Amino acid sequence: MSTHLDPHKDNALWSQYLDGDLESAERKALEAHLRECEICRGEVQMMRKTVDWLSQLAQSQTHQLQAPKDFEHKVRQRLRTKRKKRRVASQETSALSGQTLTTALIFATLIVLAFTLLLILSNL
């Protein structure tokens, strides 16, 4: 990983941070950034809540959710459409709006993963 971290451009850093996959220097740099950046603190807090919610949902035996058969296909199709639009719009948008869209895509991906996990667990 590069020596210069830009958490506003590389949202994968936050996933690596939350997963504990960063080296000490990188982790410390991101933690220093978090102390100063309210936007990133909010993003990380939302990601933590989402991961916690998905973990609780996966562990719960009382939830018998089943996504519609075409759910994953529709979500993936929407993600592809949004990615195409984002590429075009990225030339005109600020870093903040790009970060918000990325967060939405991460959240949608987590939802797809949650439903996939639930489908797998319900088949066991």
N, C-alpha and C. Protein backbone atom coordinates (compact mmCIF):
# COMPACT_ATOMS: atom_id res chain seq x y z
N MET A 1 0.84 -1.17 0.00
CA MET A 1 0.00 0.00 0.00
C MET A 1 0.89 1.23 0.00
N SER A 2 0.40 2.30 -0.62
CA SER A 2 1.23 3.50 -0.73
C SER A 2 1.45 4.14 0.62
N THR A 3 2.48 4.98 0.67
CA THR A 3 2.77 5.65 1.93
C THR A 3 1.81 6.80 2.18
N HIS A 4 1.16 7.32 1.13
CA HIS A 4 0.19 8.40 1.29
C HIS A 4 -1.22 7.82 1.19
N LEU A 5 -1.95 7.87 2.27
CA LEU A 5 -3.31 7.35 2.30
C LEU A 5 -4.29 8.48 2.04
N ASP A 6 -5.28 8.23 1.19
CA ASP A 6 -6.33 9.22 0.97
C ASP A 6 -7.67 8.53 1.17
N PRO A 7 -8.19 8.56 2.41
CA PRO A 7 -9.43 7.87 2.71
C PRO A 7 -10.64 8.45 1.99
N HIS A 8 -10.54 9.65 1.47
CA HIS A 8 -11.65 10.24 0.73
C HIS A 8 -11.74 9.69 -0.68
N LYS A 9 -10.65 9.14 -1.17
CA LYS A 9 -10.65 8.57 -2.52
C LYS A 9 -10.64 7.05 -2.52
N ASP A 10 -10.21 6.45 -1.43
CA ASP A 10 -10.06 4.99 -1.37
C ASP A 10 -10.87 4.44 -0.20
N ASN A 11 -12.16 4.16 -0.45
CA ASN A 11 -13.02 3.67 0.62
C ASN A 11 -12.67 2.24 1.04
N ALA A 12 -11.90 1.54 0.24
CA ALA A 12 -11.47 0.20 0.63
C ALA A 12 -10.59 0.26 1.88
N LEU A 13 -9.95 1.40 2.09
CA LEU A 13 -9.13 1.55 3.30
C LEU A 13 -9.96 1.34 4.56
N TRP A 14 -11.19 1.86 4.54
CA TRP A 14 -12.03 1.75 5.74
C TRP A 14 -12.44 0.30 5.97
N SER A 15 -12.70 -0.44 4.92
CA SER A 15 -13.02 -1.86 5.07
C SER A 15 -11.82 -2.61 5.66
N GLN A 16 -10.65 -2.30 5.14
CA GLN A 16 -9.44 -2.93 5.66
C GLN A 16 -9.21 -2.52 7.10
N TYR A 17 -9.48 -1.28 7.42
CA TYR A 17 -9.35 -0.79 8.80
C TYR A 17 -10.29 -1.56 9.73
N LEU A 18 -11.54 -1.67 9.35
CA LEU A 18 -12.52 -2.36 10.20
C LEU A 18 -12.23 -3.85 10.32
N ASP A 19 -11.65 -4.43 9.27
CA ASP A 19 -11.31 -5.86 9.30
C ASP A 19 -9.98 -6.12 10.01
N GLY A 20 -9.27 -5.06 10.38
CA GLY A 20 -7.97 -5.22 11.05
C GLY A 20 -6.87 -5.67 10.11
N ASP A 21 -7.01 -5.32 8.82
CA ASP A 21 -6.06 -5.77 7.81
C ASP A 21 -4.99 -4.75 7.44
N LEU A 22 -4.89 -3.66 8.19
CA LEU A 22 -3.88 -2.65 7.89
C LEU A 22 -2.66 -2.81 8.78
N GLU A 23 -1.53 -2.37 8.25
CA GLU A 23 -0.33 -2.34 9.06
C GLU A 23 -0.47 -1.24 10.10
N SER A 24 0.33 -1.29 11.12
CA SER A 24 0.22 -0.36 12.25
C SER A 24 0.29 1.10 11.82
N ALA A 25 1.22 1.43 10.94
CA ALA A 25 1.38 2.83 10.51
C ALA A 25 0.14 3.31 9.75
N GLU A 26 -0.41 2.44 8.90
CA GLU A 26 -1.60 2.80 8.15
C GLU A 26 -2.80 2.97 9.08
N ARG A 27 -2.92 2.05 10.01
CA ARG A 27 -4.03 2.12 10.98
C ARG A 27 -3.95 3.42 11.77
N LYS A 28 -2.75 3.75 12.25
CA LYS A 28 -2.57 4.97 13.03
C LYS A 28 -2.89 6.21 12.21
N ALA A 29 -2.50 6.21 10.95
CA ALA A 29 -2.79 7.36 10.08
C ALA A 29 -4.30 7.53 9.89
N LEU A 30 -5.00 6.42 9.69
CA LEU A 30 -6.45 6.51 9.52
C LEU A 30 -7.13 6.93 10.82
N GLU A 31 -6.65 6.44 11.94
CA GLU A 31 -7.23 6.83 13.23
C GLU A 31 -7.01 8.33 13.47
N ALA A 32 -5.86 8.84 13.08
CA ALA A 32 -5.61 10.28 13.21
C ALA A 32 -6.57 11.06 12.31
N HIS A 33 -6.79 10.54 11.11
CA HIS A 33 -7.74 11.18 10.20
C HIS A 33 -9.16 11.17 10.79
N LEU A 34 -9.53 10.06 11.38
CA LEU A 34 -10.86 9.96 11.99
C LEU A 34 -11.07 10.99 13.09
N ARG A 35 -10.04 11.27 13.84
CA ARG A 35 -10.16 12.26 14.91
C ARG A 35 -10.45 13.65 14.35
N GLU A 36 -10.03 13.89 13.12
CA GLU A 36 -10.18 15.22 12.53
C GLU A 36 -11.34 15.33 11.54
N CYS A 37 -11.81 14.24 10.99
CA CYS A 37 -12.78 14.29 9.89
C CYS A 37 -14.14 13.71 10.33
N GLU A 38 -15.09 14.59 10.51
CA GLU A 38 -16.43 14.19 10.95
C GLU A 38 -17.13 13.32 9.89
N ILE A 39 -16.90 13.63 8.63
CA ILE A 39 -17.54 12.86 7.55
C ILE A 39 -17.09 11.41 7.60
N CYS A 40 -15.79 11.19 7.70
CA CYS A 40 -15.27 9.82 7.73
C CYS A 40 -15.69 9.10 9.01
N ARG A 41 -15.74 9.81 10.13
CA ARG A 41 -16.22 9.19 11.38
C ARG A 41 -17.64 8.67 11.19
N GLY A 42 -18.48 9.46 10.54
CA GLY A 42 -19.85 9.03 10.28
C GLY A 42 -19.91 7.83 9.36
N GLU A 43 -19.07 7.84 8.32
CA GLU A 43 -19.03 6.71 7.37
C GLU A 43 -18.60 5.42 8.08
N VAL A 44 -17.55 5.52 8.90
CA VAL A 44 -17.04 4.34 9.60
C VAL A 44 -18.08 3.85 10.61
N GLN A 45 -18.72 4.77 11.29
CA GLN A 45 -19.76 4.38 12.25
C GLN A 45 -20.90 3.65 11.54
N MET A 46 -21.30 4.15 10.36
CA MET A 46 -22.35 3.49 9.61
C MET A 46 -21.90 2.10 9.16
N MET A 47 -20.65 1.98 8.72
CA MET A 47 -20.14 0.68 8.29
C MET A 47 -20.11 -0.30 9.47
N ARG A 48 -19.67 0.18 10.64
CA ARG A 48 -19.64 -0.69 11.82
C ARG A 48 -21.05 -1.17 12.19
N LYS A 49 -22.01 -0.27 12.16
CA LYS A 49 -23.40 -0.63 12.48
C LYS A 49 -23.94 -1.65 11.48
N THR A 50 -23.60 -1.45 10.21
CA THR A 50 -24.07 -2.37 9.17
C THR A 50 -23.47 -3.75 9.37
N VAL A 51 -22.18 -3.81 9.63
CA VAL A 51 -21.53 -5.10 9.85
C VAL A 51 -22.10 -5.78 11.10
N ASP A 52 -22.30 -5.01 12.17
CA ASP A 52 -22.89 -5.58 13.39
C ASP A 52 -24.30 -6.10 13.13
N TRP A 53 -25.09 -5.33 12.40
CA TRP A 53 -26.45 -5.74 12.09
C TRP A 53 -26.47 -7.02 11.26
N LEU A 54 -25.59 -7.09 10.26
CA LEU A 54 -25.53 -8.29 9.42
C LEU A 54 -25.06 -9.50 10.23
N SER A 55 -24.13 -9.30 11.14
CA SER A 55 -23.66 -10.39 11.98
C SER A 55 -24.79 -10.91 12.88
N GLN A 56 -25.52 -9.98 13.47
CA GLN A 56 -26.64 -10.38 14.33
C GLN A 56 -27.72 -11.09 13.52
N LEU A 57 -27.98 -10.59 12.33
CA LEU A 57 -28.98 -11.19 11.47
C LEU A 57 -28.58 -12.62 11.07
N ALA A 58 -27.31 -12.79 10.74
CA ALA A 58 -26.83 -14.11 10.33
C ALA A 58 -26.87 -15.10 11.49
N GLN A 59 -26.64 -14.62 12.72
CA GLN A 59 -26.62 -15.50 13.88
C GLN A 59 -28.01 -15.82 14.40
N SER A 60 -28.96 -15.01 14.04
CA SER A 60 -30.31 -15.19 14.56
C SER A 60 -31.01 -16.35 13.86
N GLN A 61 -31.56 -17.24 14.64
CA GLN A 61 -32.30 -18.37 14.08
C GLN A 61 -33.77 -18.02 13.89
N THR A 62 -34.19 -16.88 14.43
CA THR A 62 -35.61 -16.53 14.35
C THR A 62 -35.95 -15.82 13.05
N HIS A 63 -34.95 -15.27 12.37
CA HIS A 63 -35.21 -14.58 11.11
C HIS A 63 -35.24 -15.59 9.97
N GLN A 64 -36.35 -15.70 9.34
CA GLN A 64 -36.49 -16.59 8.20
C GLN A 64 -36.76 -15.74 6.96
N LEU A 65 -35.82 -14.89 6.61
CA LEU A 65 -35.97 -14.02 5.46
C LEU A 65 -35.55 -14.76 4.20
N GLN A 66 -36.27 -14.49 3.15
CA GLN A 66 -35.89 -15.07 1.88
C GLN A 66 -36.09 -14.01 0.81
N ALA A 67 -35.03 -13.72 0.14
CA ALA A 67 -35.08 -12.71 -0.92
C ALA A 67 -35.79 -13.29 -2.13
N PRO A 68 -36.44 -12.44 -2.92
CA PRO A 68 -37.05 -12.93 -4.16
C PRO A 68 -35.98 -13.54 -5.06
N LYS A 69 -36.39 -14.44 -5.93
CA LYS A 69 -35.44 -15.17 -6.76
C LYS A 69 -34.57 -14.24 -7.61
N ASP A 70 -35.12 -13.15 -8.09
CA ASP A 70 -34.36 -12.26 -8.96
C ASP A 70 -33.72 -11.10 -8.21
N PHE A 71 -33.73 -11.13 -6.89
CA PHE A 71 -33.22 -10.02 -6.09
C PHE A 71 -31.74 -9.73 -6.38
N GLU A 72 -30.92 -10.75 -6.33
CA GLU A 72 -29.49 -10.54 -6.54
C GLU A 72 -29.21 -10.00 -7.94
N HIS A 73 -29.90 -10.56 -8.92
CA HIS A 73 -29.72 -10.09 -10.30
C HIS A 73 -30.09 -8.62 -10.43
N LYS A 74 -31.22 -8.22 -9.84
CA LYS A 74 -31.66 -6.82 -9.92
C LYS A 74 -30.69 -5.88 -9.21
N VAL A 75 -30.20 -6.29 -8.05
CA VAL A 75 -29.25 -5.44 -7.32
C VAL A 75 -27.96 -5.30 -8.11
N ARG A 76 -27.45 -6.39 -8.64
CA ARG A 76 -26.22 -6.32 -9.44
C ARG A 76 -26.41 -5.44 -10.68
N GLN A 77 -27.57 -5.55 -11.31
CA GLN A 77 -27.87 -4.74 -12.48
C GLN A 77 -27.91 -3.25 -12.11
N ARG A 78 -28.54 -2.95 -10.99
CA ARG A 78 -28.58 -1.55 -10.54
C ARG A 78 -27.19 -1.04 -10.19
N LEU A 79 -26.38 -1.90 -9.57
CA LEU A 79 -25.01 -1.49 -9.23
C LEU A 79 -24.21 -1.19 -10.50
N ARG A 80 -24.36 -2.02 -11.52
CA ARG A 80 -23.65 -1.77 -12.78
C ARG A 80 -24.09 -0.44 -13.39
N THR A 81 -25.40 -0.19 -13.36
CA THR A 81 -25.92 1.07 -13.90
C THR A 81 -25.39 2.26 -13.13
N LYS A 82 -25.39 2.15 -11.80
CA LYS A 82 -24.88 3.24 -10.97
C LYS A 82 -23.40 3.45 -11.18
N ARG A 83 -22.65 2.37 -11.35
CA ARG A 83 -21.21 2.51 -11.58
C ARG A 83 -20.95 3.25 -12.90
N LYS A 84 -21.72 2.91 -13.94
CA LYS A 84 -21.56 3.59 -15.22
C LYS A 84 -21.88 5.08 -15.07
N LYS A 85 -22.98 5.38 -14.39
CA LYS A 85 -23.35 6.78 -14.19
C LYS A 85 -22.30 7.49 -13.35
N ARG A 86 -21.75 6.79 -12.36
CA ARG A 86 -20.75 7.40 -11.50
C ARG A 86 -19.48 7.75 -12.27
N ARG A 87 -19.09 6.87 -13.19
CA ARG A 87 -17.90 7.15 -13.99
C ARG A 87 -18.08 8.45 -14.78
N VAL A 88 -19.27 8.61 -15.36
CA VAL A 88 -19.54 9.83 -16.13
C VAL A 88 -19.61 11.03 -15.21
N ALA A 89 -20.31 10.89 -14.10
CA ALA A 89 -20.51 12.01 -13.18
C ALA A 89 -19.26 12.34 -12.37
N SER A 90 -18.33 11.41 -12.24
CA SER A 90 -17.16 11.64 -11.39
C SER A 90 -16.31 12.80 -11.88
N GLN A 91 -16.38 13.11 -13.14
CA GLN A 91 -15.62 14.22 -13.67
C GLN A 91 -16.19 15.56 -13.22
N GLU A 92 -17.48 15.54 -12.84
CA GLU A 92 -18.15 16.78 -12.50
C GLU A 92 -18.47 16.91 -11.01
N THR A 93 -18.37 15.85 -10.26
CA THR A 93 -18.79 15.87 -8.86
C THR A 93 -17.62 16.08 -7.92
N SER A 94 -17.93 16.48 -6.73
CA SER A 94 -16.90 16.67 -5.71
C SER A 94 -16.55 15.33 -5.07
N ALA A 95 -15.48 15.31 -4.28
CA ALA A 95 -15.06 14.09 -3.59
C ALA A 95 -16.15 13.62 -2.64
N LEU A 96 -16.87 14.53 -2.02
CA LEU A 96 -17.91 14.16 -1.05
C LEU A 96 -19.04 13.39 -1.72
N SER A 97 -19.53 13.85 -2.87
CA SER A 97 -20.64 13.15 -3.50
C SER A 97 -20.19 11.79 -4.03
N GLY A 98 -18.94 11.69 -4.50
CA GLY A 98 -18.42 10.39 -4.92
C GLY A 98 -18.30 9.44 -3.75
N GLN A 99 -17.93 9.97 -2.60
CA GLN A 99 -17.80 9.15 -1.39
C GLN A 99 -19.19 8.65 -0.96
N THR A 100 -20.20 9.48 -1.06
CA THR A 100 -21.55 9.09 -0.68
C THR A 100 -22.05 7.97 -1.58
N LEU A 101 -21.82 8.08 -2.87
CA LEU A 101 -22.24 7.04 -3.80
C LEU A 101 -21.50 5.73 -3.51
N THR A 102 -20.22 5.82 -3.23
CA THR A 102 -19.45 4.62 -2.89
C THR A 102 -20.01 3.96 -1.64
N THR A 103 -20.36 4.77 -0.65
CA THR A 103 -20.95 4.23 0.57
C THR A 103 -22.26 3.51 0.27
N ALA A 104 -23.07 4.09 -0.59
CA ALA A 104 -24.34 3.45 -0.97
C ALA A 104 -24.07 2.12 -1.67
N LEU A 105 -23.07 2.08 -2.52
CA LEU A 105 -22.73 0.84 -3.21
C LEU A 105 -22.23 -0.22 -2.23
N ILE A 106 -21.42 0.20 -1.27
CA ILE A 106 -20.94 -0.73 -0.25
C ILE A 106 -22.12 -1.27 0.55
N PHE A 107 -23.03 -0.41 0.93
CA PHE A 107 -24.20 -0.82 1.70
C PHE A 107 -25.05 -1.80 0.90
N ALA A 108 -25.29 -1.50 -0.38
CA ALA A 108 -26.08 -2.39 -1.23
C ALA A 108 -25.39 -3.74 -1.37
N THR A 109 -24.07 -3.74 -1.51
CA THR A 109 -23.32 -4.99 -1.61
C THR A 109 -23.44 -5.80 -0.32
N LEU A 110 -23.37 -5.13 0.82
CA LEU A 110 -23.52 -5.81 2.10
C LEU A 110 -24.91 -6.44 2.23
N ILE A 111 -25.92 -5.75 1.74
CA ILE A 111 -27.28 -6.29 1.77
C ILE A 111 -27.36 -7.55 0.90
N VAL A 112 -26.78 -7.48 -0.29
CA VAL A 112 -26.78 -8.66 -1.17
C VAL A 112 -26.07 -9.82 -0.47
N LEU A 113 -24.94 -9.54 0.15
CA LEU A 113 -24.21 -10.58 0.87
C LEU A 113 -25.02 -11.15 2.02
N ALA A 114 -25.75 -10.28 2.72
CA ALA A 114 -26.57 -10.74 3.85
C ALA A 114 -27.66 -11.69 3.36
N PHE A 115 -28.35 -11.31 2.30
CA PHE A 115 -29.41 -12.18 1.79
C PHE A 115 -28.84 -13.48 1.24
N THR A 116 -27.68 -13.40 0.60
CA THR A 116 -27.03 -14.62 0.11
C THR A 116 -26.68 -15.53 1.28
N LEU A 117 -26.13 -14.95 2.35
CA LEU A 117 -25.80 -15.72 3.54
C LEU A 117 -27.05 -16.35 4.15
N LEU A 118 -28.11 -15.59 4.20
CA LEU A 118 -29.37 -16.11 4.75
C LEU A 118 -29.90 -17.27 3.90
N LEU A 119 -29.80 -17.13 2.60
CA LEU A 119 -30.25 -18.21 1.71
C LEU A 119 -29.41 -19.47 1.93
N ILE A 120 -28.11 -19.28 2.09
CA ILE A 120 -27.23 -20.42 2.33
C ILE A 120 -27.56 -21.06 3.68
N LEU A 121 -27.73 -20.25 4.70
CA LEU A 121 -28.05 -20.76 6.03
C LEU A 121 -29.41 -21.46 6.07
N SER A 122 -30.37 -20.97 5.30
CA SER A 122 -31.69 -21.58 5.31
C SER A 122 -31.68 -22.93 4.60
N ASN A 123 -30.70 -23.16 3.76
CA ASN A 123 -30.60 -24.43 3.03
C ASN A 123 -29.82 -25.49 3.80
N LEU A 124 -29.23 -25.09 4.93
CA LEU A 124 -28.44 -26.05 5.72
C LEU A 124 -29.34 -26.96 6.52
